[in-house]
Amino acid sequence: MYKLSTVFFALFVLFIGQAVADPTFNITLNAGGIVNVTADQFLAVNDQALLDTCKPNMTAAMAAIGKCANSDAACLCDHGLTALVGDTEQCYFNKLVKDNRPMPGGDIRAGGQTALTAYLNACKGSNVTNLTATDFTLTLAPNWDGPFGQGLNTATTAITLIAALLLGGGCIGTLLVM
């Protein structure tokens, strides 16, 4: 009897915990440690240049977020609102690429794909299933020159080959003379 009552008490506590759990829509970011942010904190990065450049995008997204309650996952994960959030993150990313600089202070919310994925996971965790990963995907910036290989033209290749042969031959000749 004692063990059965303990099990019922544990189940009661578990269900009460679910009933009074904080219904706030939290986005879990892993930036050198787990950090939970609410939707209204998600786009508030600590970089004035990003905020100035992306002000129209951010203003529209924050206005849409402001119309939702912080616990209304269906509203916060609406396709129109997530498109605005994605546009703001894309603007942040484009500005960082244009300025050729890393995320300010390591803040992954500033143009970070991992931040958008965290927002998608928060929506999925709130049982909003009408979104796909493509709704939360950054694209390459228009001025991205990307990683490139340093190639040698024919003349430079010939000069490099001749220098290598002279140095290599000299080393071998030195070893043979000794």
Protein backbone atom coordinates (compact mmCIF):
# COMPACT_ATOMS: atom_id res chain seq x y z
CA MET A 1 0.00 0.00 0.00
CA TYR A 2 2.81 2.37 0.92
CA LYS A 3 4.59 1.90 -2.43
CA LEU A 4 1.39 2.38 -4.40
CA SER A 5 0.62 5.66 -2.63
CA THR A 6 4.16 6.88 -3.36
CA VAL A 7 3.66 6.15 -7.05
CA PHE A 8 0.33 8.00 -7.08
CA PHE A 9 1.87 10.95 -5.25
CA ALA A 10 4.74 11.09 -7.78
CA LEU A 11 2.29 11.00 -10.69
CA PHE A 12 0.18 13.72 -9.03
CA VAL A 13 3.24 15.95 -8.62
CA LEU A 14 4.24 15.28 -12.23
CA PHE A 15 0.81 16.23 -13.59
CA ILE A 16 0.56 19.32 -11.38
CA GLY A 17 4.00 20.35 -12.61
CA GLN A 18 2.74 20.13 -16.19
CA ALA A 19 -0.39 22.08 -15.38
CA VAL A 20 1.43 24.98 -13.74
CA ALA A 21 4.48 24.89 -16.02
CA ASP A 22 5.58 28.19 -17.49
CA PRO A 23 3.79 28.44 -20.85
CA THR A 24 6.26 31.00 -22.19
CA PHE A 25 7.59 30.25 -25.66
CA ASN A 26 11.32 29.79 -25.01
CA ILE A 27 13.98 29.49 -27.68
CA THR A 28 16.94 27.47 -26.41
CA LEU A 29 20.26 28.67 -27.78
CA ASN A 30 23.55 26.89 -27.24
CA ALA A 31 26.20 29.60 -27.36
CA GLY A 32 28.96 28.33 -25.14
CA GLY A 33 26.21 27.40 -22.69
CA ILE A 34 22.47 26.92 -22.79
CA VAL A 35 20.53 30.18 -22.90
CA ASN A 36 16.75 30.54 -23.11
CA VAL A 37 15.36 33.63 -24.79
CA THR A 38 11.79 34.64 -25.48
CA ALA A 39 10.59 35.60 -28.93
CA ASP A 40 10.71 39.32 -28.12
CA GLN A 41 14.40 38.95 -27.10
CA PHE A 42 15.37 36.81 -30.09
CA LEU A 43 16.18 39.63 -32.54
CA ALA A 44 17.59 42.09 -29.99
CA VAL A 45 21.30 41.75 -30.74
CA ASN A 46 23.98 43.90 -29.14
CA ASP A 47 25.37 45.50 -32.29
CA GLN A 48 24.30 48.97 -33.32
CA ALA A 49 25.53 48.63 -36.92
CA LEU A 50 23.34 45.57 -37.45
CA LEU A 51 20.36 47.20 -35.76
CA ASP A 52 20.74 50.36 -37.87
CA THR A 53 21.10 48.49 -41.16
CA CYS A 54 18.29 46.02 -40.49
CA LYS A 55 15.91 48.39 -38.68
CA PRO A 56 13.03 48.05 -41.22
CA ASN A 57 13.20 44.24 -41.08
CA MET A 58 13.53 44.14 -37.31
CA THR A 59 10.76 46.68 -36.74
CA ALA A 60 8.32 44.64 -38.83
CA ALA A 61 9.29 41.40 -37.09
CA MET A 62 9.11 42.91 -33.60
CA ALA A 63 5.69 44.44 -34.36
CA ALA A 64 4.41 41.02 -35.43
CA ILE A 65 5.92 39.38 -32.33
CA GLY A 66 4.36 42.10 -30.17
CA LYS A 67 0.89 41.13 -31.43
CA CYS A 68 1.39 37.63 -30.01
CA ALA A 69 1.43 36.67 -26.37
CA ASN A 70 4.74 35.16 -25.26
CA SER A 71 2.91 31.91 -24.64
CA ASP A 72 1.07 31.75 -27.99
CA ALA A 73 3.24 29.34 -29.99
CA ALA A 74 0.71 29.14 -32.82
CA CYS A 75 1.00 32.90 -33.32
CA LEU A 76 4.77 33.03 -32.82
CA CYS A 77 5.27 30.17 -35.29
CA ASP A 78 2.90 31.53 -37.93
CA HIS A 79 4.48 31.38 -41.38
CA GLY A 80 4.14 35.14 -41.92
CA LEU A 81 5.87 35.94 -38.63
CA THR A 82 8.63 33.39 -39.11
CA ALA A 83 9.28 34.84 -42.57
CA LEU A 84 9.81 38.26 -40.95
CA VAL A 85 12.17 36.74 -38.37
CA GLY A 86 14.06 34.95 -41.16
CA ASP A 87 14.31 38.16 -43.19
CA THR A 88 15.80 39.97 -40.19
CA GLU A 89 18.34 37.21 -39.58
CA GLN A 90 19.19 37.22 -43.31
CA CYS A 91 19.75 40.98 -43.14
CA TYR A 92 22.05 40.52 -40.13
CA PHE A 93 23.98 37.83 -41.99
CA ASN A 94 24.30 39.92 -45.17
CA LYS A 95 25.62 42.88 -43.16
CA LEU A 96 28.19 40.73 -41.38
CA VAL A 97 29.40 39.30 -44.70
CA LYS A 98 29.52 42.76 -46.26
CA ASP A 99 31.57 44.09 -43.34
CA ASN A 100 33.69 40.90 -43.30
CA ARG A 101 33.38 40.44 -39.54
CA PRO A 102 32.25 37.71 -37.15
CA MET A 103 29.11 37.71 -35.07
CA PRO A 104 29.37 40.48 -32.48
CA GLY A 105 30.54 39.05 -29.18
CA GLY A 106 29.80 35.53 -30.38
CA ASP A 107 26.05 36.27 -30.25
CA ILE A 108 24.60 33.52 -32.44
CA ARG A 109 21.34 35.47 -32.75
CA ALA A 110 23.12 37.91 -35.08
CA GLY A 111 22.75 36.29 -38.47
CA GLY A 112 23.24 32.76 -37.23
CA GLN A 113 21.76 29.66 -38.81
CA THR A 114 21.92 27.92 -35.44
CA ALA A 115 19.65 30.61 -33.98
CA LEU A 116 17.06 30.07 -36.72
CA THR A 117 17.24 26.33 -36.16
CA ALA A 118 16.67 26.92 -32.43
CA TYR A 119 13.55 28.98 -33.28
CA LEU A 120 12.31 26.14 -35.52
CA ASN A 121 12.96 23.62 -32.73
CA ALA A 122 11.01 25.79 -30.27
CA CYS A 123 8.07 25.80 -32.69
CA LYS A 124 8.28 22.04 -33.13
CA GLY A 125 8.55 21.62 -29.36
CA SER A 126 5.31 23.56 -29.03
CA ASN A 127 3.62 21.14 -31.45
CA VAL A 128 3.51 23.59 -34.36
CA THR A 129 4.17 21.33 -37.31
CA ASN A 130 3.28 23.42 -40.36
CA LEU A 131 6.86 24.74 -40.69
CA THR A 132 9.77 23.23 -42.55
CA ALA A 133 13.52 23.71 -42.26
CA THR A 134 13.50 25.77 -45.48
CA ASP A 135 11.40 28.39 -43.65
CA PHE A 136 14.41 28.88 -41.37
CA THR A 137 17.37 28.69 -43.75
CA LEU A 138 19.81 31.49 -44.48
CA THR A 139 21.03 31.90 -48.04
CA LEU A 140 24.41 33.12 -49.18
CA ALA A 141 24.82 36.87 -49.11
CA PRO A 142 24.77 38.59 -52.52
CA ASN A 143 28.34 39.85 -52.08
CA TRP A 144 29.70 36.52 -50.83
CA ASP A 145 32.96 35.73 -52.58
CA GLY A 146 33.30 32.54 -50.62
CA PRO A 147 36.29 30.40 -50.01
CA PHE A 148 38.56 30.23 -53.01
CA GLY A 149 41.60 28.28 -54.04
CA GLN A 150 44.81 30.13 -54.69
CA GLY A 151 45.65 28.92 -58.16
CA LEU A 152 48.87 29.46 -60.05
CA ASN A 153 48.94 30.51 -63.69
CA THR A 154 51.28 28.76 -66.14
CA ALA A 155 54.21 31.17 -65.72
CA THR A 156 54.06 31.10 -61.93
CA THR A 157 53.78 27.31 -61.95
CA ALA A 158 56.91 27.05 -64.15
CA ILE A 159 58.91 29.38 -61.89
CA THR A 160 57.79 27.46 -58.78
CA LEU A 161 58.70 24.14 -60.37
CA ILE A 162 62.16 25.38 -61.42
CA ALA A 163 62.83 26.76 -57.91
CA ALA A 164 61.75 23.45 -56.36
CA LEU A 165 63.99 21.47 -58.72
CA LEU A 166 67.00 23.71 -57.97
CA LEU A 167 66.48 23.53 -54.21
CA GLY A 168 65.81 19.79 -54.25
CA GLY A 169 68.74 19.10 -56.56
CA GLY A 170 71.02 21.23 -54.40
CA CYS A 171 69.99 19.34 -51.28
CA ILE A 172 70.61 15.97 -52.95
CA GLY A 173 73.96 17.17 -54.33
CA THR A 174 75.03 18.33 -50.87
CA LEU A 175 74.20 14.90 -49.40
CA LEU A 176 76.14 13.10 -52.16
CA VAL A 177 79.25 15.26 -51.70
CA MET A 178 79.37 14.60 -47.96
